[in-house]
């Protein structure tokens, strides 16, 4: 009996030693190793990618900050335009006389005829060298290969020009100068690109290649950049006031145009 009890005691003590050794192994080796593996895994799969992406995230944050500031500036400008709606309408009306829309291009012939009368020269003819009426009033969507319409490419040109070949007859060269001065004093924008004059027995026959810009109906460029608009700026108001000094043939031609 004594031998058996001693064996049982030794077996239990050995079992306790094995359990203690296994526990020490878990505590002193396995758990630290597991934590080390987790830390290495986090470093490789989480911390390192995040660290590498920090410059990109900083760039994105800066971009979004600039975009937000630009949008806030635009909101402030829109609020200012709404507050000064009457002034905005008046300014846009004046500018529309200087830079006409595309459907006002045919009025060029009547305006030149009236300018000829004011300059006391003989108006012979006017011909369009590039037909603005052949351009679409709005961008036309092209059809894709699947038959579905696709959006047209943006047109970055704010305005396009209509070239006209004007032929007039003057008694002398001073009258030609008078015609050019009348053109310059017209509120509608004109550019004279070429002048060819010849003298016959009694008068000068002159051909002028003139260009008049008009708003491009296909203009569609969007930018986040905010342009500063101060409707009450002294220089801007002086410029708008100077427009009143030009001759407005458009109002004489079309009585339905807004009057200021």
Protein backbone atom coordinates (compact mmCIF):
# COMPACT_ATOMS: atom_id res chain seq x y z
CA UNK A 1 0.00 0.00 0.00
CA UNK A 2 2.79 2.39 0.86
CA UNK A 3 4.50 1.75 -2.49
CA UNK A 4 1.29 2.41 -4.45
CA UNK A 5 0.60 5.65 -2.60
CA UNK A 6 4.14 6.86 -3.26
CA UNK A 7 3.70 6.11 -6.97
CA UNK A 8 0.42 8.04 -7.07
CA UNK A 9 2.01 11.01 -5.36
CA UNK A 10 4.89 11.01 -7.79
CA UNK A 11 2.50 10.76 -10.76
CA UNK A 12 0.45 13.69 -9.56
CA UNK A 13 3.56 15.76 -8.89
CA UNK A 14 4.90 14.97 -12.34
CA UNK A 15 1.55 15.90 -13.89
CA UNK A 16 1.65 19.20 -12.02
CA UNK A 17 5.17 19.82 -13.25
CA UNK A 18 4.16 19.08 -16.85
CA UNK A 19 1.15 21.38 -16.54
CA UNK A 20 3.28 24.10 -14.99
CA UNK A 21 5.86 23.71 -17.74
CA UNK A 22 3.17 23.91 -20.43
CA UNK A 23 1.70 26.98 -18.76
CA UNK A 24 5.09 28.62 -18.59
CA UNK A 25 5.62 27.80 -22.28
CA UNK A 26 2.31 29.42 -23.17
CA UNK A 27 2.94 32.49 -21.05
CA UNK A 28 6.62 33.00 -21.77
CA UNK A 29 6.86 31.94 -25.42
CA UNK A 30 3.60 31.27 -27.26
CA UNK A 31 1.73 34.41 -26.20
CA UNK A 32 4.66 36.81 -26.87
CA UNK A 33 5.21 35.06 -30.20
CA UNK A 34 1.53 35.48 -31.07
CA UNK A 35 1.66 39.17 -30.16
CA UNK A 36 4.83 39.56 -32.22
CA UNK A 37 3.11 37.95 -35.23
CA UNK A 38 0.10 40.24 -34.81
CA UNK A 39 2.32 43.33 -34.54
CA UNK A 40 4.32 42.33 -37.63
CA UNK A 41 1.09 41.64 -39.51
CA UNK A 42 -0.34 45.03 -38.56
CA UNK A 43 2.90 46.71 -39.57
CA UNK A 44 2.99 44.97 -42.94
CA UNK A 45 -0.69 45.02 -43.90
CA UNK A 46 -2.06 48.12 -42.12
CA UNK A 47 0.52 50.58 -40.80
CA UNK A 48 2.88 50.51 -43.79
CA UNK A 49 0.15 51.05 -46.47
CA UNK A 50 -1.38 53.84 -44.39
CA UNK A 51 2.03 55.46 -43.92
CA UNK A 52 2.77 55.23 -47.65
CA UNK A 53 -0.62 56.75 -48.47
CA UNK A 54 -0.14 59.76 -46.17
CA UNK A 55 1.34 62.01 -48.92
CA UNK A 56 -1.57 61.15 -51.23
CA UNK A 57 -4.07 61.75 -48.44
CA UNK A 58 -2.41 65.07 -47.66
CA UNK A 59 -2.65 66.05 -51.33
CA UNK A 60 -6.31 65.03 -51.48
CA UNK A 61 -7.05 66.96 -48.31
CA UNK A 62 -5.37 70.07 -49.73
CA UNK A 63 -7.27 69.68 -53.00
CA UNK A 64 -10.60 69.28 -51.22
CA UNK A 65 -9.79 72.27 -49.01
CA UNK A 66 -9.09 74.44 -52.06
CA UNK A 67 -12.25 73.15 -53.77
CA UNK A 68 -14.35 73.89 -50.69
CA UNK A 69 -12.91 77.41 -50.46
CA UNK A 70 -13.62 77.96 -54.17
CA UNK A 71 -17.21 76.77 -53.79
CA UNK A 72 -17.70 79.02 -50.78
CA UNK A 73 -16.40 81.96 -52.81
CA UNK A 74 -18.81 81.09 -55.63
CA UNK A 75 -21.72 80.93 -53.19
CA UNK A 76 -20.76 84.36 -51.88
CA UNK A 77 -20.59 85.71 -55.45
CA UNK A 78 -23.98 84.23 -56.32
CA UNK A 79 -25.48 85.82 -53.23
CA UNK A 80 -23.96 89.16 -54.27
CA UNK A 81 -25.34 88.76 -57.80
CA UNK A 82 -28.78 87.98 -56.38
CA UNK A 83 -28.61 91.03 -54.11
CA UNK A 84 -27.68 93.25 -57.08
CA UNK A 85 -29.94 91.56 -59.62
CA UNK A 86 -31.09 94.83 -61.18
CA UNK A 87 -27.53 96.01 -61.75
CA UNK A 88 -26.55 92.62 -63.16
CA UNK A 89 -29.44 92.66 -65.62
CA UNK A 90 -28.50 96.14 -66.80
CA UNK A 91 -24.84 95.21 -67.29
CA UNK A 92 -25.66 91.99 -69.14
CA UNK A 93 -27.97 93.90 -71.46
CA UNK A 94 -25.21 96.35 -72.35
CA UNK A 95 -22.69 93.57 -72.89
CA UNK A 96 -25.15 91.67 -75.09
CA UNK A 97 -25.22 94.65 -77.45
CA UNK A 98 -21.44 94.55 -77.76
CA UNK A 99 -21.16 90.76 -78.05
CA UNK A 100 -24.28 89.50 -79.78
CA UNK A 101 -25.69 86.00 -79.74
CA UNK A 102 -25.41 83.82 -82.84
CA UNK A 103 -28.98 84.41 -83.98
CA UNK A 104 -28.21 88.16 -84.20
CA UNK A 105 -25.47 87.64 -86.81
CA UNK A 106 -27.82 88.38 -89.76
CA UNK A 107 -28.37 91.88 -88.35
CA UNK A 108 -24.81 92.71 -89.39
CA UNK A 109 -25.93 93.67 -92.88
CA UNK A 110 -28.51 96.16 -91.60
CA UNK A 111 -26.08 97.60 -89.06
CA UNK A 112 -23.43 98.17 -91.73
CA UNK A 113 -26.05 99.77 -93.97
CA UNK A 114 -27.00 102.19 -91.18
CA UNK A 115 -23.34 102.93 -90.43
CA UNK A 116 -22.83 103.75 -94.10
CA UNK A 117 -25.73 106.19 -93.98
CA UNK A 118 -24.34 107.91 -90.87
CA UNK A 119 -20.88 108.17 -92.47
CA UNK A 120 -22.45 109.48 -95.71
CA UNK A 121 -20.93 106.78 -97.89
CA UNK A 122 -22.60 104.56 -100.49
CA UNK A 123 -23.23 101.02 -99.31
CA UNK A 124 -22.84 98.62 -102.24
CA UNK A 125 -22.87 95.09 -100.82
CA UNK A 126 -22.13 92.79 -97.89
CA UNK A 127 -21.33 89.10 -98.05
CA UNK A 128 -20.63 86.58 -95.30
CA UNK A 129 -17.35 84.73 -95.76
CA UNK A 130 -18.19 82.07 -93.15
CA UNK A 131 -21.80 81.18 -92.51
CA UNK A 132 -22.63 81.38 -88.82
CA UNK A 133 -26.19 80.34 -89.66
CA UNK A 134 -24.85 76.95 -90.73
CA UNK A 135 -23.50 76.27 -87.22
CA UNK A 136 -25.79 74.45 -84.78
CA UNK A 137 -27.46 76.67 -82.21
CA UNK A 138 -26.64 74.10 -79.53
CA UNK A 139 -24.05 71.30 -79.46
CA UNK A 140 -25.38 68.22 -81.22
CA UNK A 141 -24.73 64.90 -79.51
CA UNK A 142 -23.03 62.34 -81.71
CA UNK A 143 -24.33 58.78 -81.82
CA UNK A 144 -22.14 56.04 -80.42
CA UNK A 145 -21.58 52.70 -82.10
CA UNK A 146 -24.31 51.21 -79.89
CA UNK A 147 -26.80 53.80 -81.08
CA UNK A 148 -26.86 55.67 -77.77
CA UNK A 149 -26.18 59.43 -77.82
CA UNK A 150 -22.96 60.59 -76.22
CA UNK A 151 -22.12 64.02 -74.90
CA UNK A 152 -20.25 66.34 -77.29
CA UNK A 153 -16.73 67.45 -76.47
CA UNK A 154 -16.56 70.79 -74.61
CA UNK A 155 -15.87 73.83 -76.78
CA UNK A 156 -13.36 76.09 -74.99
CA UNK A 157 -13.99 79.14 -77.22
CA UNK A 158 -16.15 81.75 -75.46
CA UNK A 159 -16.90 83.48 -78.75
CA UNK A 160 -16.53 82.97 -82.47
CA UNK A 161 -16.24 85.52 -85.24
CA UNK A 162 -18.33 86.15 -88.32
CA UNK A 163 -16.31 87.58 -91.22
CA UNK A 164 -18.08 89.89 -93.65
CA UNK A 165 -16.84 91.44 -96.87
CA UNK A 166 -18.21 94.99 -97.05
CA UNK A 167 -18.07 97.07 -100.23
CA UNK A 168 -18.67 100.81 -100.03
CA UNK A 169 -18.16 103.78 -102.32
CA UNK A 170 -16.85 107.15 -101.11
CA UNK A 171 -16.24 110.51 -102.69
CA UNK A 172 -12.82 110.75 -101.04
CA UNK A 173 -10.62 108.96 -98.54
CA UNK A 174 -11.84 111.16 -95.68
CA UNK A 175 -15.28 109.58 -96.04
CA UNK A 176 -13.65 106.17 -95.69
CA UNK A 177 -12.07 107.39 -92.45
CA UNK A 178 -15.50 108.63 -91.36
CA UNK A 179 -16.96 105.17 -91.97
CA UNK A 180 -14.23 103.55 -89.90
CA UNK A 181 -14.86 106.04 -87.09
CA UNK A 182 -18.58 105.28 -87.18
CA UNK A 183 -17.74 101.58 -86.97
CA UNK A 184 -15.47 102.26 -84.01
CA UNK A 185 -18.21 104.22 -82.26
CA UNK A 186 -20.70 101.37 -82.67
CA UNK A 187 -21.37 99.44 -79.47
CA UNK A 188 -21.20 96.23 -81.45
CA UNK A 189 -17.64 94.93 -81.65
CA UNK A 190 -15.96 95.08 -85.06
CA UNK A 191 -12.47 94.29 -86.26
CA UNK A 192 -11.17 95.45 -89.61
CA UNK A 193 -8.73 92.93 -90.98
CA UNK A 194 -8.14 94.17 -94.52
CA UNK A 195 -8.87 97.26 -96.59
CA UNK A 196 -8.52 97.43 -100.37
CA UNK A 197 -9.41 100.66 -102.15
CA UNK A 198 -9.34 101.70 -105.79
CA UNK A 199 -10.19 104.97 -107.51
CA UNK A 200 -12.37 105.23 -110.57
CA UNK A 201 -13.32 108.34 -112.45
CA UNK A 202 -15.40 109.94 -109.70
CA UNK A 203 -15.09 107.97 -106.45
CA UNK A 204 -13.22 105.43 -104.37
CA UNK A 205 -14.46 101.87 -104.30
CA UNK A 206 -13.38 100.17 -101.07
CA UNK A 207 -13.63 96.58 -99.90
CA UNK A 208 -13.29 95.91 -96.15
CA UNK A 209 -12.93 92.54 -94.51
CA UNK A 210 -14.62 93.03 -91.16
CA UNK A 211 -15.07 90.55 -88.33
CA UNK A 212 -17.71 90.71 -85.64
CA UNK A 213 -17.57 88.30 -82.68
CA UNK A 214 -20.65 86.54 -81.30
CA UNK A 215 -21.21 84.31 -78.30
CA UNK A 216 -20.32 80.71 -79.03
CA UNK A 217 -23.43 78.54 -78.41
CA UNK A 218 -21.18 75.51 -77.94
CA UNK A 219 -19.14 77.05 -75.12
CA UNK A 220 -19.18 74.58 -72.22
CA UNK A 221 -16.11 74.67 -70.02
CA UNK A 222 -16.45 74.27 -66.27
CA UNK A 223 -13.76 75.23 -63.83
CA UNK A 224 -13.53 75.21 -60.06
CA UNK A 225 -11.54 78.45 -60.18
CA UNK A 226 -13.49 81.35 -58.77
CA UNK A 227 -13.23 84.64 -60.65
CA UNK A 228 -13.53 87.76 -58.55
CA UNK A 229 -16.52 89.91 -59.52
CA UNK A 230 -16.97 93.32 -57.93
CA UNK A 231 -20.03 94.90 -59.50
CA UNK A 232 -19.36 98.23 -57.79
CA UNK A 233 -15.67 98.47 -58.58
CA UNK A 234 -14.86 101.98 -59.83
CA UNK A 235 -13.02 100.88 -62.98
CA UNK A 236 -15.73 98.36 -63.83
CA UNK A 237 -18.49 100.91 -63.39
CA UNK A 238 -16.55 103.43 -65.50
CA UNK A 239 -16.28 100.81 -68.24
CA UNK A 240 -20.00 100.06 -68.13
CA UNK A 241 -20.72 103.79 -68.19
CA UNK A 242 -18.58 104.24 -71.30
CA UNK A 243 -20.77 101.74 -73.14
CA UNK A 244 -23.56 104.32 -73.02
CA UNK A 245 -21.45 106.62 -75.21
CA UNK A 246 -21.45 104.20 -78.18
CA UNK A 247 -24.07 104.15 -80.92
CA UNK A 248 -26.54 101.31 -80.41
CA UNK A 249 -27.76 100.25 -83.86
CA UNK A 250 -29.30 97.09 -82.44
CA UNK A 251 -32.00 99.04 -80.62
CA UNK A 252 -32.80 100.97 -83.78
CA UNK A 253 -33.11 97.73 -85.76
CA UNK A 254 -35.06 95.67 -83.23
CA UNK A 255 -37.56 97.64 -81.19
CA UNK A 256 -38.19 94.59 -78.99
CA UNK A 257 -34.70 94.75 -77.45
CA UNK A 258 -34.64 95.80 -73.77
CA UNK A 259 -34.23 99.52 -73.19
CA UNK A 260 -32.31 100.96 -70.26
